[in-house]
Structures are given as C-alpha cells and as structure tokens.
Amino acid sequence: MAATCSSLRRPYPFALGWNDDTHNLVGLESQLLPGYPATPEGQRAYLAMLRGRLAAVPGGLGHALLGWEPAWIAAPGQGSAVENLAWFDFGGDALPVLSLPAQLDPGVPRLEVRPLGSARVRLDWEPVPGVDHFLVETAPVPQGPWSPADSLGCCGWESAPLEGQGFLRLRSLAPQP
C-alpha cells in the first residue's frame, strides 16, 4: 500500500500511549503506515523516508522539512494531544529521530541541539552571513511568554538547568550599527 500525500503531512508517533489525561490525536494502529511502527525507531524511519522523498523533488525544490512543535510533551498542568508525536519521550529525553541531520539544504545554516542531561542543553550553529548577534529565549510553553536567556555572538551556547522553561528559541538579530 503506497502512502498518500495526506498521510505524509502529519508527524509520526513514537508510541500510541499517553502520559497525561489528554486524548492523543494519533493513537490507533489504523492511523499508522505499513512498515512504520509506533516506536522510536519507526518514527525515525518514517522521517528518514520523508526526507528522502523531499530530497528527490525535481529542481531541488524539496529542501525544507518543518518539525512543528517537536518538543510538545505534557507537563504538570499542561496536557498535550501530540505528546506521542514529539521528538522527546514522555520523560523529556531525546528520541532517535533527532539523530537525523538537521536540514536537507546545505545552503541553510545548520543548528544542532544536544541534550546535556540535568535539564540542560547545548546549541551550536553555523555563522550566518551579515548577522553578528543572536538572542536565546526561553518559555514554559510554546506560545510564550518568551524571556531572554542570553545575548551573544556566534556560534554556541550552553544552558543552565531549564526547569519550568522547557522551550528554547534562537533568533538572529540585525547587525549592530
């Protein structure tokens, strides 16, 4: 059975279960694609297959893959209907899907996110032409509120423990005059 376009537009689960009181959007065997079980390895294999299909788009037009909210796991008082679609397990540990290269297009600056343990993370990124300043922000939930964590030049940052601030974003700022 061939995968349909609509079945390739959604994230893929690492499990069918849940870790909160919120119903998951994908939680039935019938929602899975043949050959891709709801396991950490199945999730990685699905994303690798999808990346392969994007890379094969003629004219180099399939150069981007967006993982929308890949860290949306449940937290106390904050359920998640997509926690089993995240790229982190129910305990917040990175899943094998994160071992895939971060981008398809080598012309896009690379960003690596590495968990360090004890609720810490390291960000490493390539220089961005014309940008000499970056802002790291944290938030307790993806919608914010976002708070500045650090203001820095290029091209790496290690966090302090991020308890209660489970979401990070890195923003490039216009060159300073």
N, C-alpha and C. Protein backbone atom coordinates (compact mmCIF):
# COMPACT_ATOMS: atom_id res chain seq x y z
N MET A 1 0.84 -1.19 0.00
CA MET A 1 0.00 0.00 0.00
C MET A 1 0.88 1.24 0.00
N ALA A 2 0.71 2.12 -0.93
CA ALA A 2 1.51 3.33 -1.02
C ALA A 2 0.98 4.38 -0.04
N ALA A 3 1.90 5.15 0.50
CA ALA A 3 1.50 6.22 1.41
C ALA A 3 0.89 7.35 0.60
N THR A 4 -0.18 7.92 1.09
CA THR A 4 -0.82 9.03 0.40
C THR A 4 -0.19 10.33 0.82
N CYS A 5 -0.42 11.35 0.04
CA CYS A 5 0.12 12.67 0.36
C CYS A 5 -0.39 13.13 1.73
N SER A 6 -1.68 12.93 2.01
CA SER A 6 -2.22 13.40 3.29
C SER A 6 -1.62 12.66 4.47
N SER A 7 -1.26 11.37 4.28
CA SER A 7 -0.67 10.64 5.40
C SER A 7 0.76 11.07 5.65
N LEU A 8 1.38 11.75 4.69
CA LEU A 8 2.76 12.21 4.87
C LEU A 8 2.83 13.64 5.41
N ARG A 9 1.68 14.27 5.61
CA ARG A 9 1.69 15.65 6.10
C ARG A 9 1.69 15.73 7.61
N ARG A 10 1.53 14.64 8.29
CA ARG A 10 1.42 14.71 9.75
C ARG A 10 2.67 14.15 10.42
N PRO A 11 2.91 14.58 11.66
CA PRO A 11 4.02 13.99 12.43
C PRO A 11 3.75 12.51 12.68
N TYR A 12 4.76 11.81 13.13
CA TYR A 12 4.62 10.37 13.32
C TYR A 12 4.90 10.00 14.77
N PRO A 13 4.11 9.08 15.33
CA PRO A 13 4.25 8.76 16.76
C PRO A 13 5.42 7.83 17.08
N PHE A 14 5.98 8.03 18.27
CA PHE A 14 6.97 7.09 18.80
C PHE A 14 6.28 6.07 19.71
N ALA A 15 4.99 6.30 20.00
CA ALA A 15 4.19 5.39 20.84
C ALA A 15 2.72 5.69 20.56
N LEU A 16 1.85 4.76 20.89
CA LEU A 16 0.41 5.01 20.78
C LEU A 16 -0.19 5.40 22.13
N GLY A 17 0.56 5.22 23.20
CA GLY A 17 0.07 5.55 24.53
C GLY A 17 0.20 7.03 24.84
N TRP A 18 -0.08 7.38 26.09
CA TRP A 18 -0.02 8.76 26.52
C TRP A 18 0.47 8.83 27.96
N ASN A 19 0.83 10.04 28.38
CA ASN A 19 1.39 10.24 29.71
C ASN A 19 0.65 11.37 30.44
N ASP A 20 -0.58 11.63 30.03
CA ASP A 20 -1.38 12.67 30.68
C ASP A 20 -2.86 12.30 30.53
N ASP A 21 -3.73 13.23 30.86
CA ASP A 21 -5.17 12.97 30.76
C ASP A 21 -5.78 13.49 29.46
N THR A 22 -4.94 13.86 28.50
CA THR A 22 -5.40 14.42 27.23
C THR A 22 -5.37 13.35 26.15
N HIS A 23 -6.45 13.24 25.39
CA HIS A 23 -6.53 12.28 24.29
C HIS A 23 -5.52 12.66 23.20
N ASN A 24 -4.77 11.69 22.68
CA ASN A 24 -3.81 11.95 21.61
C ASN A 24 -4.49 11.97 20.25
N LEU A 25 -4.03 12.83 19.38
CA LEU A 25 -4.59 12.92 18.02
C LEU A 25 -4.28 11.68 17.20
N VAL A 26 -3.13 11.07 17.42
CA VAL A 26 -2.77 9.82 16.75
C VAL A 26 -2.55 8.79 17.85
N GLY A 27 -3.45 7.81 17.91
CA GLY A 27 -3.35 6.83 18.98
C GLY A 27 -3.89 5.45 18.61
N LEU A 28 -4.17 5.23 17.34
CA LEU A 28 -4.74 3.96 16.89
C LEU A 28 -3.81 3.30 15.87
N GLU A 29 -3.76 1.98 15.91
CA GLU A 29 -2.97 1.23 14.92
C GLU A 29 -3.40 1.59 13.50
N SER A 30 -4.68 1.83 13.28
CA SER A 30 -5.20 2.13 11.95
C SER A 30 -4.65 3.46 11.40
N GLN A 31 -4.08 4.29 12.24
CA GLN A 31 -3.52 5.56 11.80
C GLN A 31 -2.05 5.45 11.37
N LEU A 32 -1.48 4.26 11.53
CA LEU A 32 -0.07 4.07 11.19
C LEU A 32 0.10 3.65 9.75
N LEU A 33 1.26 3.94 9.19
CA LEU A 33 1.60 3.50 7.85
C LEU A 33 2.26 2.13 7.93
N PRO A 34 1.96 1.25 6.98
CA PRO A 34 2.60 -0.07 6.98
C PRO A 34 4.13 0.07 6.94
N GLY A 35 4.79 -0.70 7.77
CA GLY A 35 6.25 -0.67 7.81
C GLY A 35 6.83 0.35 8.76
N TYR A 36 5.99 1.15 9.38
CA TYR A 36 6.46 2.18 10.31
C TYR A 36 5.71 2.04 11.63
N PRO A 37 6.22 1.21 12.55
CA PRO A 37 5.54 1.02 13.82
C PRO A 37 5.62 2.27 14.70
N ALA A 38 4.75 2.36 15.67
CA ALA A 38 4.76 3.47 16.62
C ALA A 38 5.81 3.18 17.70
N THR A 39 7.06 3.27 17.30
CA THR A 39 8.21 3.08 18.18
C THR A 39 9.20 4.20 17.89
N PRO A 40 10.16 4.43 18.77
CA PRO A 40 11.17 5.44 18.45
C PRO A 40 11.88 5.16 17.12
N GLU A 41 12.17 3.90 16.85
CA GLU A 41 12.84 3.55 15.59
C GLU A 41 11.91 3.73 14.39
N GLY A 42 10.61 3.40 14.56
CA GLY A 42 9.64 3.60 13.49
C GLY A 42 9.45 5.07 13.17
N GLN A 43 9.45 5.91 14.19
CA GLN A 43 9.32 7.35 13.99
C GLN A 43 10.52 7.88 13.20
N ARG A 44 11.72 7.43 13.58
CA ARG A 44 12.94 7.87 12.87
C ARG A 44 12.91 7.38 11.42
N ALA A 45 12.53 6.13 11.20
CA ALA A 45 12.47 5.58 9.85
C ALA A 45 11.47 6.35 8.99
N TYR A 46 10.32 6.70 9.55
CA TYR A 46 9.32 7.48 8.82
C TYR A 46 9.90 8.82 8.39
N LEU A 47 10.54 9.52 9.33
CA LEU A 47 11.09 10.83 9.00
C LEU A 47 12.22 10.69 7.97
N ALA A 48 13.04 9.66 8.09
CA ALA A 48 14.11 9.44 7.11
C ALA A 48 13.50 9.21 5.72
N MET A 49 12.42 8.43 5.64
CA MET A 49 11.74 8.19 4.37
C MET A 49 11.19 9.50 3.81
N LEU A 50 10.58 10.30 4.65
CA LEU A 50 10.01 11.57 4.21
C LEU A 50 11.11 12.51 3.71
N ARG A 51 12.20 12.56 4.42
CA ARG A 51 13.34 13.39 4.00
C ARG A 51 13.86 12.92 2.64
N GLY A 52 13.92 11.60 2.43
CA GLY A 52 14.35 11.06 1.15
C GLY A 52 13.44 11.49 0.02
N ARG A 53 12.15 11.47 0.27
CA ARG A 53 11.19 11.91 -0.75
C ARG A 53 11.34 13.40 -1.06
N LEU A 54 11.56 14.20 -0.02
CA LEU A 54 11.76 15.63 -0.24
C LEU A 54 13.03 15.90 -1.04
N ALA A 55 14.10 15.20 -0.70
CA ALA A 55 15.37 15.39 -1.40
C ALA A 55 15.26 15.01 -2.88
N ALA A 56 14.32 14.13 -3.22
CA ALA A 56 14.15 13.67 -4.61
C ALA A 56 13.24 14.57 -5.44
N VAL A 57 12.67 15.61 -4.84
CA VAL A 57 11.80 16.51 -5.60
C VAL A 57 12.63 17.19 -6.68
N PRO A 58 12.18 17.16 -7.94
CA PRO A 58 12.96 17.74 -9.04
C PRO A 58 13.29 19.22 -8.82
N GLY A 59 14.42 19.62 -9.34
CA GLY A 59 14.83 21.02 -9.29
C GLY A 59 15.27 21.49 -7.92
N GLY A 60 15.50 20.57 -6.99
CA GLY A 60 15.94 20.96 -5.65
C GLY A 60 14.87 21.71 -4.87
N LEU A 61 13.61 21.55 -5.25
CA LEU A 61 12.55 22.30 -4.58
C LEU A 61 12.09 21.68 -3.27
N GLY A 62 12.53 20.48 -2.95
CA GLY A 62 12.15 19.86 -1.69
C GLY A 62 13.27 20.00 -0.68
N HIS A 63 13.63 21.22 -0.34
CA HIS A 63 14.79 21.44 0.52
C HIS A 63 14.46 21.76 1.97
N ALA A 64 13.21 21.66 2.38
CA ALA A 64 12.88 22.02 3.75
C ALA A 64 11.89 21.03 4.35
N LEU A 65 12.06 20.78 5.62
CA LEU A 65 11.16 19.93 6.38
C LEU A 65 10.98 20.60 7.74
N LEU A 66 9.76 20.92 8.07
CA LEU A 66 9.47 21.62 9.32
C LEU A 66 8.92 20.64 10.33
N GLY A 67 9.57 20.53 11.47
CA GLY A 67 9.05 19.73 12.57
C GLY A 67 8.29 20.65 13.50
N TRP A 68 6.99 20.77 13.28
CA TRP A 68 6.19 21.71 14.05
C TRP A 68 6.02 21.21 15.48
N GLU A 69 6.50 21.98 16.43
CA GLU A 69 6.44 21.68 17.86
C GLU A 69 6.94 20.27 18.18
N PRO A 70 8.16 19.93 17.77
CA PRO A 70 8.66 18.58 18.03
C PRO A 70 8.96 18.31 19.51
N ALA A 71 8.82 19.32 20.36
CA ALA A 71 9.11 19.15 21.78
C ALA A 71 7.86 19.27 22.65
N TRP A 72 6.68 19.19 22.08
CA TRP A 72 5.46 19.43 22.83
C TRP A 72 5.06 18.21 23.65
N ILE A 73 5.77 17.98 24.74
CA ILE A 73 5.42 16.89 25.64
C ILE A 73 4.54 17.45 26.75
N ALA A 74 3.81 16.58 27.41
CA ALA A 74 2.95 17.01 28.51
C ALA A 74 3.81 17.46 29.69
N ALA A 75 3.29 18.41 30.44
CA ALA A 75 3.94 18.90 31.65
C ALA A 75 2.86 19.04 32.71
N PRO A 76 3.22 19.11 33.99
CA PRO A 76 2.21 19.26 35.03
C PRO A 76 1.28 20.44 34.74
N GLY A 77 -0.01 20.17 34.67
CA GLY A 77 -0.99 21.19 34.39
C GLY A 77 -1.09 21.59 32.93
N GLN A 78 -0.31 20.98 32.07
CA GLN A 78 -0.29 21.33 30.65
C GLN A 78 -0.30 20.05 29.83
N GLY A 79 -1.49 19.52 29.55
CA GLY A 79 -1.61 18.31 28.75
C GLY A 79 -1.23 18.56 27.31
N SER A 80 -1.05 17.48 26.57
CA SER A 80 -0.68 17.60 25.16
C SER A 80 -1.33 16.48 24.35
N ALA A 81 -2.08 16.85 23.34
CA ALA A 81 -2.70 15.85 22.46
C ALA A 81 -1.72 15.33 21.42
N VAL A 82 -0.50 15.85 21.44
CA VAL A 82 0.52 15.43 20.47
C VAL A 82 1.80 14.96 21.16
N GLU A 83 1.73 14.66 22.44
CA GLU A 83 2.93 14.27 23.17
C GLU A 83 3.60 13.03 22.61
N ASN A 84 2.83 12.13 22.01
CA ASN A 84 3.42 10.91 21.44
C ASN A 84 3.94 11.14 20.02
N LEU A 85 3.79 12.35 19.51
CA LEU A 85 4.35 12.73 18.21
C LEU A 85 5.63 13.55 18.37
N ALA A 86 5.98 13.88 19.59
CA ALA A 86 7.15 14.71 19.86
C ALA A 86 8.43 13.96 19.51
N TRP A 87 9.52 14.69 19.50
CA TRP A 87 10.83 14.10 19.25
C TRP A 87 11.58 13.87 20.56
N PHE A 88 10.82 13.95 21.66
CA PHE A 88 11.33 13.67 23.00
C PHE A 88 10.33 12.74 23.66
N ASP A 89 10.82 11.76 24.43
CA ASP A 89 9.90 10.81 25.05
C ASP A 89 9.15 11.45 26.21
N PHE A 90 8.29 10.67 26.86
CA PHE A 90 7.46 11.21 27.94
C PHE A 90 8.28 11.77 29.10
N GLY A 91 9.51 11.34 29.25
CA GLY A 91 10.39 11.85 30.30
C GLY A 91 11.23 13.03 29.86
N GLY A 92 11.10 13.44 28.59
CA GLY A 92 11.86 14.58 28.09
C GLY A 92 13.20 14.22 27.47
N ASP A 93 13.49 12.92 27.32
CA ASP A 93 14.76 12.50 26.72
C ASP A 93 14.64 12.47 25.20
N ALA A 94 15.72 12.85 24.52
CA ALA A 94 15.74 12.89 23.06
C ALA A 94 15.52 11.50 22.48
N LEU A 95 14.75 11.45 21.39
CA LEU A 95 14.48 10.20 20.67
C LEU A 95 15.41 10.08 19.46
N PRO A 96 15.54 8.88 18.89
CA PRO A 96 16.46 8.67 17.76
C PRO A 96 16.19 9.58 16.55
N VAL A 97 14.98 10.08 16.38
CA VAL A 97 14.67 10.96 15.25
C VAL A 97 15.59 12.19 15.24
N LEU A 98 16.07 12.61 16.40
CA LEU A 98 16.94 13.77 16.47
C LEU A 98 18.34 13.49 15.96
N SER A 99 18.66 12.24 15.69
CA SER A 99 19.98 11.92 15.15
C SER A 99 20.06 12.16 13.64
N LEU A 100 18.92 12.43 13.00
CA LEU A 100 18.93 12.75 11.57
C LEU A 100 19.54 14.14 11.38
N PRO A 101 20.22 14.37 10.26
CA PRO A 101 20.76 15.71 10.00
C PRO A 101 19.66 16.76 10.08
N ALA A 102 20.01 17.95 10.53
CA ALA A 102 19.03 18.99 10.80
C ALA A 102 18.40 19.60 9.56
N GLN A 103 19.01 19.48 8.40
CA GLN A 103 18.42 20.09 7.22
C GLN A 103 18.76 19.32 5.96
N LEU A 104 18.01 19.59 4.94
CA LEU A 104 18.25 18.99 3.63
C LEU A 104 19.09 19.90 2.76
N ASP A 105 18.93 21.19 2.88
CA ASP A 105 19.60 22.16 2.03
C ASP A 105 20.91 22.60 2.68
N PRO A 106 22.06 22.26 2.08
CA PRO A 106 23.33 22.64 2.68
C PRO A 106 23.57 24.14 2.69
N GLY A 107 22.76 24.92 1.97
CA GLY A 107 22.91 26.36 1.98
C GLY A 107 22.28 27.04 3.19
N VAL A 108 21.52 26.29 3.98
CA VAL A 108 20.88 26.85 5.17
C VAL A 108 21.81 26.62 6.36
N PRO A 109 22.06 27.65 7.18
CA PRO A 109 22.94 27.44 8.34
C PRO A 109 22.42 26.31 9.22
N ARG A 110 23.33 25.50 9.70
CA ARG A 110 22.99 24.32 10.48
C ARG A 110 22.88 24.68 11.97
N LEU A 111 21.86 24.13 12.62
CA LEU A 111 21.68 24.27 14.06
C LEU A 111 21.63 22.88 14.66
N GLU A 112 22.47 22.64 15.65
CA GLU A 112 22.46 21.36 16.37
C GLU A 112 21.99 21.61 17.79
N VAL A 113 21.11 20.74 18.27
CA VAL A 113 20.63 20.80 19.65
C VAL A 113 21.04 19.50 20.31
N ARG A 114 21.82 19.60 21.39
CA ARG A 114 22.28 18.40 22.09
C ARG A 114 21.88 18.47 23.55
N PRO A 115 21.11 17.47 24.02
CA PRO A 115 20.78 17.42 25.45
C PRO A 115 22.04 17.09 26.24
N LEU A 116 22.24 17.77 27.36
CA LEU A 116 23.39 17.55 28.22
C LEU A 116 23.03 16.82 29.50
N GLY A 117 21.76 16.56 29.74
CA GLY A 117 21.32 15.96 30.99
C GLY A 117 21.06 17.02 32.02
N SER A 118 20.40 16.65 33.11
CA SER A 118 20.07 17.57 34.20
C SER A 118 19.34 18.82 33.68
N ALA A 119 18.41 18.62 32.73
CA ALA A 119 17.59 19.70 32.17
C ALA A 119 18.44 20.79 31.52
N ARG A 120 19.58 20.40 30.94
CA ARG A 120 20.46 21.34 30.25
C ARG A 120 20.57 20.95 28.78
N VAL A 121 20.89 21.94 27.94
CA VAL A 121 21.01 21.69 26.51
C VAL A 121 22.13 22.56 25.93
N ARG A 122 22.72 22.10 24.84
CA ARG A 122 23.72 22.89 24.12
C ARG A 122 23.23 23.15 22.70
N LEU A 123 23.34 24.40 22.26
CA LEU A 123 23.03 24.80 20.90
C LEU A 123 24.33 25.16 20.20
N ASP A 124 24.52 24.64 19.00
CA ASP A 124 25.65 25.02 18.15
C ASP A 124 25.09 25.33 16.77
N TRP A 125 25.55 26.44 16.19
CA TRP A 125 25.06 26.82 14.86
C TRP A 125 26.20 27.40 14.05
N GLU A 126 26.00 27.36 12.73
CA GLU A 126 26.98 27.91 11.80
C GLU A 126 26.81 29.42 11.72
N PRO A 127 27.87 30.13 11.38
CA PRO A 127 27.74 31.58 11.18
C PRO A 127 26.70 31.89 10.11
N VAL A 128 26.02 33.01 10.28
CA VAL A 128 25.02 33.48 9.32
C VAL A 128 25.59 34.74 8.68
N PRO A 129 25.78 34.74 7.35
CA PRO A 129 26.33 35.94 6.71
C PRO A 129 25.53 37.19 7.05
N GLY A 130 26.23 38.23 7.46
CA GLY A 130 25.59 39.50 7.76
C GLY A 130 24.97 39.59 9.14
N VAL A 131 25.07 38.53 9.94
CA VAL A 131 24.48 38.55 11.29
C VAL A 131 25.61 38.32 12.30
N ASP A 132 25.70 39.21 13.27
CA ASP A 132 26.75 39.09 14.26
C ASP A 132 26.23 38.97 15.69
N HIS A 133 24.91 38.86 15.83
CA HIS A 133 24.35 38.85 17.18
C HIS A 133 23.13 37.93 17.22
N PHE A 134 23.01 37.19 18.31
CA PHE A 134 21.92 36.22 18.46
C PHE A 134 21.31 36.37 19.85
N LEU A 135 20.04 36.01 19.94
CA LEU A 135 19.32 36.06 21.20
C LEU A 135 18.73 34.67 21.46
N VAL A 136 19.03 34.11 22.63
CA VAL A 136 18.42 32.85 23.06
C VAL A 136 17.31 33.22 24.03
N GLU A 137 16.11 32.67 23.78
CA GLU A 137 14.97 32.95 24.64
C GLU A 137 14.38 31.63 25.16
N THR A 138 13.75 31.67 26.33
CA THR A 138 13.11 30.50 26.92
C THR A 138 11.65 30.81 27.21
N ALA A 139 10.86 29.74 27.30
CA ALA A 139 9.44 29.88 27.65
C ALA A 139 8.97 28.59 28.30
N PRO A 140 7.95 28.66 29.15
CA PRO A 140 7.41 27.44 29.77
C PRO A 140 6.53 26.64 28.81
N VAL A 141 5.92 27.31 27.82
CA VAL A 141 5.07 26.67 26.83
C VAL A 141 5.38 27.29 25.47
N PRO A 142 5.08 26.60 24.37
CA PRO A 142 5.45 27.13 23.05
C PRO A 142 4.88 28.50 22.72
N GLN A 143 3.73 28.85 23.28
CA GLN A 143 3.12 30.15 22.99
C GLN A 143 3.75 31.29 23.77
N GLY A 144 4.70 30.97 24.67
CA GLY A 144 5.33 32.00 25.49
C GLY A 144 4.61 32.13 26.82
N PRO A 145 4.94 33.11 27.58
CA PRO A 145 5.75 34.27 27.25
C PRO A 145 7.24 33.91 27.13
N TRP A 146 7.92 34.55 26.17
CA TRP A 146 9.33 34.32 25.93
C TRP A 146 10.16 35.31 26.73
N SER A 147 11.21 34.81 27.36
CA SER A 147 12.11 35.64 28.15
C SER A 147 13.53 35.48 27.64
N PRO A 148 14.28 36.59 27.56
CA PRO A 148 15.67 36.48 27.12
C PRO A 148 16.48 35.63 28.11
N ALA A 149 17.25 34.69 27.58
CA ALA A 149 18.14 33.88 28.41
C ALA A 149 19.57 34.32 28.24
N ASP A 150 19.92 34.76 27.03
CA ASP A 150 21.30 35.17 26.76
C ASP A 150 21.33 35.93 25.45
N SER A 151 22.25 36.85 25.37
CA SER A 151 22.51 37.61 24.16
C SER A 151 23.97 37.38 23.83
N LEU A 152 24.26 36.94 22.61
CA LEU A 152 25.62 36.52 22.31
C LEU A 152 25.96 36.65 20.84
N GLY A 153 27.24 36.48 20.54
CA GLY A 153 27.72 36.42 19.16
C GLY A 153 27.60 34.99 18.67
N CYS A 154 28.42 34.63 17.75
CA CYS A 154 28.37 33.31 17.14
C CYS A 154 29.16 32.32 17.98
N CYS A 155 28.94 31.14 18.04
CA CYS A 155 28.02 30.26 17.39
C CYS A 155 27.70 29.07 18.30
N GLY A 156 27.66 29.25 19.61
CA GLY A 156 27.31 28.17 20.51
C GLY A 156 26.84 28.71 21.85
N TRP A 157 26.07 27.87 22.55
CA TRP A 157 25.51 28.28 23.85
C TRP A 157 25.14 27.04 24.64
N GLU A 158 25.43 27.07 25.95
CA GLU A 158 25.01 26.01 26.86
C GLU A 158 24.11 26.62 27.91
N SER A 159 23.01 25.93 28.16
CA SER A 159 22.04 26.45 29.12
C SER A 159 22.41 26.07 30.54
N ALA A 160 21.88 26.84 31.46
CA ALA A 160 21.79 26.42 32.85
C ALA A 160 20.61 25.45 32.90
N PRO A 161 20.35 24.78 34.03
CA PRO A 161 19.16 23.92 34.09
C PRO A 161 17.90 24.70 33.71
N LEU A 162 17.05 24.08 32.89
CA LEU A 162 15.89 24.75 32.32
C LEU A 162 14.58 24.32 32.97
N GLU A 163 14.58 23.97 34.24
CA GLU A 163 13.33 23.56 34.88
C GLU A 163 12.28 24.64 34.72
N GLY A 164 11.10 24.23 34.26
CA GLY A 164 10.00 25.17 34.08
C GLY A 164 10.10 26.01 32.82
N GLN A 165 11.20 25.91 32.10
CA GLN A 165 11.40 26.67 30.86
C GLN A 165 11.80 25.68 29.77
N GLY A 166 10.87 24.81 29.38
CA GLY A 166 11.21 23.70 28.51
C GLY A 166 11.30 24.02 27.04
N PHE A 167 11.12 25.28 26.63
CA PHE A 167 11.16 25.62 25.22
C PHE A 167 12.21 26.70 24.99
N LEU A 168 12.97 26.51 23.93
CA LEU A 168 14.02 27.46 23.56
C LEU A 168 13.79 27.95 22.15
N ARG A 169 14.22 29.17 21.88
CA ARG A 169 14.30 29.62 20.51
C ARG A 169 15.55 30.48 20.36
N LEU A 170 16.13 30.39 19.19
CA LEU A 170 17.32 31.15 18.85
C LEU A 170 16.94 32.12 17.75
N ARG A 171 17.18 33.40 17.98
CA ARG A 171 16.84 34.41 16.98
C ARG A 171 18.10 35.13 16.55
N SER A 172 18.24 35.32 15.25
CA SER A 172 19.34 36.14 14.76
C SER A 172 18.86 37.58 14.74
N LEU A 173 19.72 38.48 15.16
CA LEU A 173 19.39 39.89 15.21
C LEU A 173 20.16 40.63 14.13
N ALA A 174 19.62 41.71 13.66
CA ALA A 174 20.30 42.51 12.63
C ALA A 174 21.64 42.99 13.18
N PRO A 175 22.61 43.14 12.30
CA PRO A 175 23.92 43.63 12.75
C PRO A 175 23.78 44.96 13.51
N GLN A 176 24.57 45.08 14.55
CA GLN A 176 24.56 46.29 15.35
C GLN A 176 25.30 47.41 14.59
N PRO A 177 24.74 48.63 14.56
CA PRO A 177 25.40 49.74 13.82
C PRO A 177 26.68 50.18 14.51
